[in-house]
Amino acid sequence: MAVLVALALLAGCADSASGGGASATPPGDATPASAASATVTGDGPTPTPTILQVSGPGGQGGAAEFCTSGATVSQSLPPSIPAYPRAVERYYQGGDTNIWGYCSADGVGAVGDFYKQQLAAHGWQRLTDSSFDSIRQLVGYQGSSAAVVITIQPDARLPGTTQCVISTSGL
């Protein structure tokens, strides 16, 4: 359960209009039912996109910053999660939860569709596919302890760029 809580806190991205400093829905605001959607392909909770704060050489920042800053990559994705073929890896942070950041000129839909197909083909189960505004989030599980959360959204600072944050635990 602690893994799921950690993933929920770390997995999502900041609202593209906020630049990484605010949640997708301000506290106290109700989200209209028409603003969010989810497709569940198995049992499990339906995730809601959330904030992701990442640590870097200059301290903490929002996930949107990795597409505009220098690359900090020391480890590639595990074999069960292929890299999007038209993206550049820009960020890696290791620990109990590993986080990768990719940037692509392809749209949110193309990147999300790729990962939805690839996660299923690589043995990930209880897949969920959620959308909120321009953010898309996929969640999957392998075995009893491995989890992946992939959050995809337009980059707030680079028009025509899509950022993809991949968070794993238990691998």
N, C-alpha and C. Protein backbone atom coordinates (compact mmCIF):
# COMPACT_ATOMS: atom_id res chain seq x y z
N MET A 1 0.82 -1.19 0.00
CA MET A 1 0.00 0.00 0.00
C MET A 1 0.87 1.26 0.00
N ALA A 2 1.99 1.21 0.75
CA ALA A 2 2.87 2.36 0.80
C ALA A 2 3.43 2.68 -0.59
N VAL A 3 3.68 1.64 -1.39
CA VAL A 3 4.18 1.85 -2.75
C VAL A 3 3.15 2.61 -3.56
N LEU A 4 1.89 2.23 -3.43
CA LEU A 4 0.83 2.91 -4.20
C LEU A 4 0.69 4.36 -3.77
N VAL A 5 0.79 4.64 -2.48
CA VAL A 5 0.70 6.01 -1.99
C VAL A 5 1.87 6.82 -2.53
N ALA A 6 3.08 6.24 -2.47
CA ALA A 6 4.26 6.94 -2.98
C ALA A 6 4.12 7.22 -4.47
N LEU A 7 3.62 6.25 -5.23
CA LEU A 7 3.45 6.46 -6.66
C LEU A 7 2.42 7.55 -6.93
N ALA A 8 1.35 7.55 -6.17
CA ALA A 8 0.31 8.56 -6.38
C ALA A 8 0.87 9.95 -6.13
N LEU A 9 1.75 10.09 -5.14
CA LEU A 9 2.32 11.39 -4.84
C LEU A 9 3.38 11.81 -5.85
N LEU A 10 4.14 10.85 -6.36
CA LEU A 10 5.25 11.17 -7.24
C LEU A 10 4.93 11.09 -8.71
N ALA A 11 3.88 10.43 -9.09
CA ALA A 11 3.72 10.02 -10.48
C ALA A 11 3.28 11.10 -11.44
N GLY A 12 2.41 11.99 -11.05
CA GLY A 12 1.83 12.91 -12.01
C GLY A 12 2.70 14.09 -12.30
N CYS A 13 2.23 14.94 -13.17
CA CYS A 13 2.93 16.16 -13.51
C CYS A 13 2.10 17.35 -13.11
N ALA A 14 2.75 18.49 -13.03
CA ALA A 14 2.06 19.73 -12.72
C ALA A 14 1.22 20.16 -13.91
N ASP A 15 0.18 20.91 -13.66
CA ASP A 15 -0.66 21.48 -14.71
C ASP A 15 0.21 22.34 -15.61
N SER A 16 0.09 22.19 -16.90
CA SER A 16 0.99 22.87 -17.83
C SER A 16 0.89 24.39 -17.71
N ALA A 17 -0.19 24.91 -17.27
CA ALA A 17 -0.31 26.35 -17.12
C ALA A 17 0.39 26.86 -15.88
N SER A 18 0.68 25.99 -14.92
CA SER A 18 1.24 26.44 -13.66
C SER A 18 2.75 26.41 -13.65
N GLY A 19 3.39 25.73 -14.59
CA GLY A 19 4.84 25.64 -14.62
C GLY A 19 5.38 24.77 -13.52
N GLY A 20 4.58 23.89 -12.93
CA GLY A 20 5.09 22.95 -11.95
C GLY A 20 4.83 23.33 -10.53
N GLY A 21 4.12 24.40 -10.25
CA GLY A 21 3.99 24.81 -8.88
C GLY A 21 2.62 24.60 -8.28
N ALA A 22 1.65 24.14 -9.03
CA ALA A 22 0.31 23.98 -8.49
C ALA A 22 -0.31 22.71 -9.02
N SER A 23 -1.28 22.19 -8.28
CA SER A 23 -1.94 20.98 -8.74
C SER A 23 -2.85 21.29 -9.91
N ALA A 24 -3.27 20.24 -10.62
CA ALA A 24 -4.12 20.42 -11.79
C ALA A 24 -5.46 21.03 -11.41
N THR A 25 -5.93 20.83 -10.20
CA THR A 25 -7.15 21.43 -9.71
C THR A 25 -6.82 22.14 -8.41
N PRO A 26 -7.00 23.46 -8.33
CA PRO A 26 -6.67 24.16 -7.10
C PRO A 26 -7.47 23.61 -5.93
N PRO A 27 -6.88 23.62 -4.71
CA PRO A 27 -7.60 23.11 -3.54
C PRO A 27 -8.95 23.80 -3.40
N GLY A 28 -9.95 23.00 -3.10
CA GLY A 28 -11.29 23.53 -2.88
C GLY A 28 -12.13 23.61 -4.14
N ASP A 29 -11.50 23.52 -5.31
CA ASP A 29 -12.26 23.56 -6.56
C ASP A 29 -12.75 22.17 -6.90
N ALA A 30 -13.96 22.07 -7.36
CA ALA A 30 -14.49 20.78 -7.80
C ALA A 30 -14.16 20.60 -9.26
N THR A 31 -13.79 19.42 -9.64
CA THR A 31 -13.51 19.10 -11.02
C THR A 31 -14.80 18.63 -11.68
N PRO A 32 -15.25 19.29 -12.72
CA PRO A 32 -16.46 18.82 -13.38
C PRO A 32 -16.26 17.41 -13.92
N ALA A 33 -17.30 16.61 -13.87
CA ALA A 33 -17.21 15.22 -14.32
C ALA A 33 -16.77 15.15 -15.77
N SER A 34 -17.11 16.15 -16.59
CA SER A 34 -16.74 16.11 -18.00
C SER A 34 -15.27 16.43 -18.23
N ALA A 35 -14.55 16.95 -17.24
CA ALA A 35 -13.16 17.34 -17.44
C ALA A 35 -12.21 16.16 -17.31
N ALA A 36 -12.61 15.09 -16.67
CA ALA A 36 -11.71 13.95 -16.47
C ALA A 36 -12.34 12.70 -17.07
N SER A 37 -11.48 11.82 -17.57
CA SER A 37 -11.97 10.55 -18.05
C SER A 37 -10.95 9.48 -17.72
N ALA A 38 -11.41 8.25 -17.66
CA ALA A 38 -10.50 7.14 -17.37
C ALA A 38 -11.01 5.88 -18.04
N THR A 39 -10.07 5.08 -18.50
CA THR A 39 -10.37 3.77 -19.03
C THR A 39 -9.60 2.78 -18.18
N VAL A 40 -10.28 1.82 -17.62
CA VAL A 40 -9.62 0.83 -16.78
C VAL A 40 -9.68 -0.50 -17.51
N THR A 41 -8.51 -1.14 -17.64
CA THR A 41 -8.46 -2.44 -18.30
C THR A 41 -8.06 -3.49 -17.29
N GLY A 42 -8.70 -3.51 -16.15
CA GLY A 42 -8.41 -4.47 -15.09
C GLY A 42 -8.82 -3.89 -13.76
N ASP A 43 -8.63 -4.66 -12.71
CA ASP A 43 -8.96 -4.18 -11.38
C ASP A 43 -7.91 -3.20 -10.92
N GLY A 44 -8.29 -2.31 -10.04
CA GLY A 44 -7.33 -1.37 -9.47
C GLY A 44 -7.92 0.02 -9.44
N PRO A 45 -7.29 0.91 -8.69
CA PRO A 45 -7.79 2.27 -8.57
C PRO A 45 -7.57 3.06 -9.86
N THR A 46 -8.42 4.04 -10.08
CA THR A 46 -8.25 4.94 -11.21
C THR A 46 -7.44 6.13 -10.72
N PRO A 47 -6.24 6.35 -11.27
CA PRO A 47 -5.40 7.44 -10.79
C PRO A 47 -5.90 8.79 -11.27
N THR A 48 -5.56 9.81 -10.51
CA THR A 48 -5.82 11.18 -10.89
C THR A 48 -4.47 11.84 -11.08
N PRO A 49 -4.23 12.53 -12.20
CA PRO A 49 -2.94 13.20 -12.38
C PRO A 49 -2.65 14.14 -11.22
N THR A 50 -1.42 14.10 -10.75
CA THR A 50 -1.01 14.90 -9.60
C THR A 50 0.30 15.60 -9.89
N ILE A 51 0.82 16.32 -8.92
CA ILE A 51 2.07 17.05 -9.06
C ILE A 51 3.26 16.11 -8.95
N LEU A 52 4.30 16.37 -9.69
CA LEU A 52 5.56 15.66 -9.53
C LEU A 52 6.63 16.69 -9.27
N GLN A 53 7.29 16.58 -8.16
CA GLN A 53 8.45 17.40 -7.85
C GLN A 53 9.68 16.53 -8.00
N VAL A 54 10.67 17.00 -8.72
CA VAL A 54 11.89 16.24 -8.92
C VAL A 54 13.06 17.02 -8.34
N SER A 55 14.06 16.30 -7.87
CA SER A 55 15.25 16.92 -7.32
C SER A 55 16.33 16.97 -8.38
N GLY A 56 17.06 18.02 -8.40
CA GLY A 56 18.14 18.16 -9.36
C GLY A 56 19.29 18.93 -8.74
N PRO A 57 20.29 19.24 -9.53
CA PRO A 57 21.45 19.95 -9.00
C PRO A 57 21.11 21.28 -8.34
N GLY A 58 20.07 21.95 -8.82
CA GLY A 58 19.70 23.24 -8.26
C GLY A 58 18.61 23.16 -7.21
N GLY A 59 18.28 21.98 -6.71
CA GLY A 59 17.20 21.80 -5.75
C GLY A 59 15.99 21.21 -6.41
N GLN A 60 14.84 21.34 -5.76
CA GLN A 60 13.62 20.77 -6.31
C GLN A 60 13.01 21.70 -7.35
N GLY A 61 12.36 21.09 -8.32
CA GLY A 61 11.66 21.85 -9.34
C GLY A 61 10.53 21.02 -9.89
N GLY A 62 9.73 21.62 -10.74
CA GLY A 62 8.64 20.89 -11.36
C GLY A 62 9.16 20.02 -12.49
N ALA A 63 8.40 19.01 -12.83
CA ALA A 63 8.81 18.07 -13.87
C ALA A 63 8.97 18.77 -15.21
N ALA A 64 8.27 19.87 -15.43
CA ALA A 64 8.35 20.56 -16.72
C ALA A 64 9.75 21.09 -17.00
N GLU A 65 10.57 21.22 -16.00
CA GLU A 65 11.88 21.83 -16.18
C GLU A 65 12.89 20.93 -16.88
N PHE A 66 12.68 19.63 -16.95
CA PHE A 66 13.72 18.79 -17.53
C PHE A 66 13.84 18.93 -19.04
N CYS A 67 12.81 19.37 -19.74
CA CYS A 67 12.92 19.54 -21.19
C CYS A 67 13.70 20.81 -21.55
N THR A 68 13.81 21.76 -20.63
CA THR A 68 14.50 23.01 -20.92
C THR A 68 15.86 23.10 -20.24
N SER A 69 16.21 22.13 -19.42
CA SER A 69 17.51 22.16 -18.76
C SER A 69 18.41 21.07 -19.33
N GLY A 70 19.65 21.06 -18.90
CA GLY A 70 20.60 20.06 -19.38
C GLY A 70 20.20 18.66 -18.95
N ALA A 71 20.59 17.68 -19.75
CA ALA A 71 20.25 16.29 -19.46
C ALA A 71 21.02 15.79 -18.24
N THR A 72 20.32 15.05 -17.40
CA THR A 72 20.93 14.39 -16.23
C THR A 72 20.50 12.93 -16.28
N VAL A 73 21.19 12.16 -17.10
CA VAL A 73 20.80 10.78 -17.34
C VAL A 73 21.93 9.85 -16.92
N SER A 74 21.63 8.91 -16.03
CA SER A 74 22.65 7.94 -15.62
C SER A 74 22.17 6.50 -15.75
N GLN A 75 20.90 6.31 -16.09
CA GLN A 75 20.37 4.96 -16.20
C GLN A 75 19.21 4.94 -17.18
N SER A 76 19.18 3.90 -18.02
CA SER A 76 18.09 3.74 -18.98
C SER A 76 16.91 3.03 -18.35
N LEU A 77 15.78 3.08 -19.03
CA LEU A 77 14.57 2.38 -18.57
C LEU A 77 14.81 0.88 -18.49
N PRO A 78 14.08 0.19 -17.59
CA PRO A 78 14.18 -1.28 -17.54
C PRO A 78 13.61 -1.88 -18.84
N PRO A 79 14.05 -3.10 -19.20
CA PRO A 79 13.60 -3.72 -20.46
C PRO A 79 12.08 -3.88 -20.58
N SER A 80 11.36 -3.96 -19.48
CA SER A 80 9.91 -4.14 -19.54
C SER A 80 9.16 -2.84 -19.85
N ILE A 81 9.91 -1.73 -19.98
CA ILE A 81 9.31 -0.44 -20.33
C ILE A 81 10.16 0.17 -21.44
N PRO A 82 9.79 -0.05 -22.70
CA PRO A 82 10.62 0.48 -23.78
C PRO A 82 10.54 2.01 -23.84
N ALA A 83 11.65 2.60 -24.27
CA ALA A 83 11.67 4.05 -24.47
C ALA A 83 10.86 4.40 -25.71
N TYR A 84 10.15 5.50 -25.65
CA TYR A 84 9.41 5.97 -26.83
C TYR A 84 10.43 6.24 -27.94
N PRO A 85 10.21 5.70 -29.15
CA PRO A 85 11.24 5.74 -30.19
C PRO A 85 11.59 7.14 -30.69
N ARG A 86 10.70 8.10 -30.56
CA ARG A 86 10.97 9.45 -31.05
C ARG A 86 11.05 10.43 -29.89
N ALA A 87 11.74 10.01 -28.83
CA ALA A 87 11.91 10.87 -27.66
C ALA A 87 13.37 10.86 -27.23
N VAL A 88 13.76 11.88 -26.50
CA VAL A 88 15.10 11.99 -25.97
C VAL A 88 15.02 11.94 -24.46
N GLU A 89 15.80 11.03 -23.87
CA GLU A 89 15.84 10.95 -22.40
C GLU A 89 16.60 12.16 -21.87
N ARG A 90 15.97 12.88 -20.93
CA ARG A 90 16.56 14.11 -20.40
C ARG A 90 16.82 14.05 -18.90
N TYR A 91 16.17 13.10 -18.22
CA TYR A 91 16.24 13.15 -16.75
C TYR A 91 16.17 11.74 -16.17
N TYR A 92 16.93 11.52 -15.12
CA TYR A 92 16.81 10.29 -14.33
C TYR A 92 17.07 10.63 -12.88
N GLN A 93 16.24 10.07 -12.01
CA GLN A 93 16.42 10.18 -10.56
C GLN A 93 16.17 8.80 -9.97
N GLY A 94 17.14 8.26 -9.25
CA GLY A 94 17.01 6.94 -8.66
C GLY A 94 16.65 7.00 -7.19
N GLY A 95 16.29 5.87 -6.66
CA GLY A 95 15.92 5.75 -5.25
C GLY A 95 14.90 4.65 -5.11
N ASP A 96 14.08 4.72 -4.06
CA ASP A 96 13.01 3.74 -3.90
C ASP A 96 12.07 3.78 -5.10
N THR A 97 11.87 4.97 -5.62
CA THR A 97 11.09 5.16 -6.84
C THR A 97 12.03 5.75 -7.88
N ASN A 98 12.13 5.14 -9.03
CA ASN A 98 12.96 5.65 -10.12
C ASN A 98 12.10 6.50 -11.03
N ILE A 99 12.66 7.62 -11.49
CA ILE A 99 11.92 8.55 -12.34
C ILE A 99 12.77 8.88 -13.57
N TRP A 100 12.15 8.75 -14.74
CA TRP A 100 12.78 9.11 -16.00
C TRP A 100 11.95 10.21 -16.65
N GLY A 101 12.61 11.13 -17.33
CA GLY A 101 11.92 12.18 -18.07
C GLY A 101 12.35 12.17 -19.53
N TYR A 102 11.36 12.14 -20.42
CA TYR A 102 11.61 12.14 -21.86
C TYR A 102 10.91 13.33 -22.50
N CYS A 103 11.46 13.81 -23.62
CA CYS A 103 10.85 14.89 -24.38
C CYS A 103 10.71 14.44 -25.84
N SER A 104 9.57 14.76 -26.45
CA SER A 104 9.31 14.33 -27.82
C SER A 104 8.55 15.43 -28.57
N ALA A 105 8.70 15.44 -29.88
CA ALA A 105 7.93 16.35 -30.73
C ALA A 105 6.56 15.75 -31.06
N ASP A 106 6.35 14.46 -30.73
CA ASP A 106 5.05 13.83 -30.98
C ASP A 106 4.05 14.26 -29.91
N GLY A 107 2.78 14.15 -30.22
CA GLY A 107 1.72 14.59 -29.32
C GLY A 107 1.44 13.62 -28.18
N VAL A 108 0.69 14.09 -27.21
CA VAL A 108 0.31 13.31 -26.03
C VAL A 108 -0.38 12.02 -26.44
N GLY A 109 -1.28 12.08 -27.40
CA GLY A 109 -2.01 10.89 -27.84
C GLY A 109 -1.11 9.81 -28.41
N ALA A 110 -0.17 10.20 -29.26
CA ALA A 110 0.74 9.23 -29.87
C ALA A 110 1.63 8.56 -28.83
N VAL A 111 2.17 9.36 -27.91
CA VAL A 111 3.04 8.81 -26.86
C VAL A 111 2.22 7.90 -25.94
N GLY A 112 1.03 8.34 -25.55
CA GLY A 112 0.17 7.54 -24.68
C GLY A 112 -0.26 6.23 -25.33
N ASP A 113 -0.63 6.29 -26.60
CA ASP A 113 -1.04 5.07 -27.31
C ASP A 113 0.11 4.07 -27.39
N PHE A 114 1.33 4.56 -27.65
CA PHE A 114 2.51 3.70 -27.68
C PHE A 114 2.67 2.97 -26.34
N TYR A 115 2.62 3.72 -25.24
CA TYR A 115 2.83 3.10 -23.94
C TYR A 115 1.69 2.18 -23.54
N LYS A 116 0.47 2.51 -23.92
CA LYS A 116 -0.65 1.62 -23.62
C LYS A 116 -0.44 0.26 -24.28
N GLN A 117 0.00 0.26 -25.54
CA GLN A 117 0.26 -0.98 -26.26
C GLN A 117 1.49 -1.70 -25.69
N GLN A 118 2.55 -0.97 -25.46
CA GLN A 118 3.80 -1.58 -25.02
C GLN A 118 3.72 -2.15 -23.60
N LEU A 119 3.03 -1.47 -22.70
CA LEU A 119 2.91 -2.01 -21.34
C LEU A 119 2.20 -3.36 -21.37
N ALA A 120 1.11 -3.45 -22.12
CA ALA A 120 0.38 -4.72 -22.22
C ALA A 120 1.26 -5.80 -22.86
N ALA A 121 2.00 -5.44 -23.89
CA ALA A 121 2.85 -6.41 -24.59
C ALA A 121 4.03 -6.88 -23.73
N HIS A 122 4.41 -6.09 -22.74
CA HIS A 122 5.54 -6.44 -21.87
C HIS A 122 5.09 -6.98 -20.51
N GLY A 123 3.85 -7.43 -20.42
CA GLY A 123 3.39 -8.13 -19.22
C GLY A 123 2.85 -7.27 -18.10
N TRP A 124 2.66 -5.98 -18.32
CA TRP A 124 2.07 -5.14 -17.28
C TRP A 124 0.57 -5.41 -17.25
N GLN A 125 0.00 -5.47 -16.05
CA GLN A 125 -1.41 -5.83 -15.87
C GLN A 125 -2.14 -4.73 -15.11
N ARG A 126 -3.46 -4.93 -14.97
CA ARG A 126 -4.33 -3.97 -14.29
C ARG A 126 -4.04 -2.55 -14.79
N LEU A 127 -3.97 -2.41 -16.11
CA LEU A 127 -3.63 -1.13 -16.73
C LEU A 127 -4.80 -0.15 -16.62
N THR A 128 -4.47 1.08 -16.29
CA THR A 128 -5.46 2.16 -16.33
C THR A 128 -4.93 3.24 -17.25
N ASP A 129 -5.83 3.94 -17.90
CA ASP A 129 -5.49 5.01 -18.82
C ASP A 129 -6.43 6.17 -18.50
N SER A 130 -5.90 7.21 -17.86
CA SER A 130 -6.71 8.34 -17.42
C SER A 130 -6.30 9.61 -18.14
N SER A 131 -7.27 10.50 -18.34
CA SER A 131 -7.00 11.80 -18.94
C SER A 131 -7.65 12.89 -18.12
N PHE A 132 -6.96 14.02 -18.03
CA PHE A 132 -7.49 15.21 -17.37
C PHE A 132 -6.95 16.39 -18.14
N ASP A 133 -7.84 17.17 -18.76
CA ASP A 133 -7.42 18.27 -19.63
C ASP A 133 -6.44 17.72 -20.66
N SER A 134 -5.23 18.24 -20.72
CA SER A 134 -4.25 17.79 -21.71
C SER A 134 -3.27 16.77 -21.15
N ILE A 135 -3.51 16.28 -19.93
CA ILE A 135 -2.63 15.32 -19.28
C ILE A 135 -3.19 13.92 -19.44
N ARG A 136 -2.32 12.98 -19.78
CA ARG A 136 -2.71 11.57 -19.87
C ARG A 136 -1.80 10.77 -18.95
N GLN A 137 -2.38 9.84 -18.20
CA GLN A 137 -1.61 9.05 -17.26
C GLN A 137 -1.97 7.58 -17.37
N LEU A 138 -0.94 6.73 -17.51
CA LEU A 138 -1.11 5.29 -17.57
C LEU A 138 -0.47 4.67 -16.33
N VAL A 139 -1.13 3.67 -15.76
CA VAL A 139 -0.62 2.98 -14.58
C VAL A 139 -0.71 1.49 -14.84
N GLY A 140 0.33 0.75 -14.45
CA GLY A 140 0.33 -0.70 -14.61
C GLY A 140 1.10 -1.37 -13.50
N TYR A 141 0.87 -2.69 -13.36
CA TYR A 141 1.49 -3.46 -12.28
C TYR A 141 2.03 -4.76 -12.85
N GLN A 142 3.13 -5.25 -12.26
CA GLN A 142 3.68 -6.57 -12.58
C GLN A 142 3.92 -7.29 -11.26
N GLY A 143 3.43 -8.51 -11.17
CA GLY A 143 3.63 -9.27 -9.94
C GLY A 143 3.00 -8.58 -8.75
N SER A 144 3.59 -8.83 -7.59
CA SER A 144 3.01 -8.28 -6.36
C SER A 144 3.64 -6.97 -5.92
N SER A 145 4.75 -6.55 -6.56
CA SER A 145 5.40 -5.34 -6.04
C SER A 145 5.81 -4.31 -7.09
N ALA A 146 5.84 -4.65 -8.36
CA ALA A 146 6.30 -3.71 -9.38
C ALA A 146 5.14 -2.84 -9.88
N ALA A 147 5.41 -1.56 -10.00
CA ALA A 147 4.40 -0.62 -10.50
C ALA A 147 5.07 0.41 -11.41
N VAL A 148 4.32 0.88 -12.40
CA VAL A 148 4.78 1.94 -13.28
C VAL A 148 3.66 2.96 -13.43
N VAL A 149 4.04 4.24 -13.44
CA VAL A 149 3.11 5.32 -13.72
C VAL A 149 3.77 6.19 -14.79
N ILE A 150 3.05 6.40 -15.89
CA ILE A 150 3.56 7.20 -17.00
C ILE A 150 2.63 8.38 -17.19
N THR A 151 3.18 9.59 -17.04
CA THR A 151 2.39 10.80 -17.16
C THR A 151 2.90 11.59 -18.36
N ILE A 152 1.99 11.94 -19.26
CA ILE A 152 2.35 12.58 -20.52
C ILE A 152 1.55 13.89 -20.63
N GLN A 153 2.23 14.97 -21.00
CA GLN A 153 1.54 16.24 -21.17
C GLN A 153 2.35 17.16 -22.07
N PRO A 154 1.69 18.15 -22.67
CA PRO A 154 2.45 19.15 -23.44
C PRO A 154 3.41 19.89 -22.51
N ASP A 155 4.60 20.19 -23.01
CA ASP A 155 5.55 20.95 -22.21
C ASP A 155 5.11 22.40 -22.16
N ALA A 156 5.07 22.97 -20.97
CA ALA A 156 4.59 24.34 -20.78
C ALA A 156 5.56 25.37 -21.33
N ARG A 157 6.84 25.02 -21.42
CA ARG A 157 7.85 26.00 -21.82
C ARG A 157 8.31 25.86 -23.27
N LEU A 158 8.08 24.70 -23.87
CA LEU A 158 8.54 24.46 -25.24
C LEU A 158 7.35 24.08 -26.12
N PRO A 159 6.77 25.02 -26.84
CA PRO A 159 5.64 24.69 -27.71
C PRO A 159 6.03 23.58 -28.69
N GLY A 160 5.11 22.66 -28.92
CA GLY A 160 5.35 21.56 -29.83
C GLY A 160 6.14 20.42 -29.22
N THR A 161 6.37 20.48 -27.92
CA THR A 161 7.12 19.43 -27.22
C THR A 161 6.21 18.76 -26.20
N THR A 162 6.30 17.45 -26.14
CA THR A 162 5.55 16.66 -25.15
C THR A 162 6.54 16.10 -24.17
N GLN A 163 6.21 16.22 -22.89
CA GLN A 163 7.05 15.62 -21.86
C GLN A 163 6.38 14.35 -21.34
N CYS A 164 7.21 13.37 -21.05
CA CYS A 164 6.76 12.07 -20.56
C CYS A 164 7.57 11.73 -19.31
N VAL A 165 6.88 11.56 -18.19
CA VAL A 165 7.54 11.21 -16.94
C VAL A 165 7.15 9.77 -16.61
N ILE A 166 8.16 8.92 -16.43
CA ILE A 166 7.94 7.51 -16.14
C ILE A 166 8.48 7.25 -14.75
N SER A 167 7.63 6.77 -13.87
CA SER A 167 8.00 6.48 -12.48
C SER A 167 7.77 5.00 -12.21
N THR A 168 8.79 4.33 -11.64
CA THR A 168 8.66 2.90 -11.33
C THR A 168 9.04 2.64 -9.89
N SER A 169 8.49 1.56 -9.36
CA SER A 169 8.91 1.07 -8.06
C SER A 169 8.80 -0.45 -8.07
N GLY A 170 9.61 -1.08 -7.27
CA GLY A 170 9.55 -2.53 -7.14
C GLY A 170 10.18 -3.31 -8.27
N LEU A 171 10.91 -2.66 -9.15
CA LEU A 171 11.57 -3.36 -10.26
C LEU A 171 12.99 -3.70 -9.89
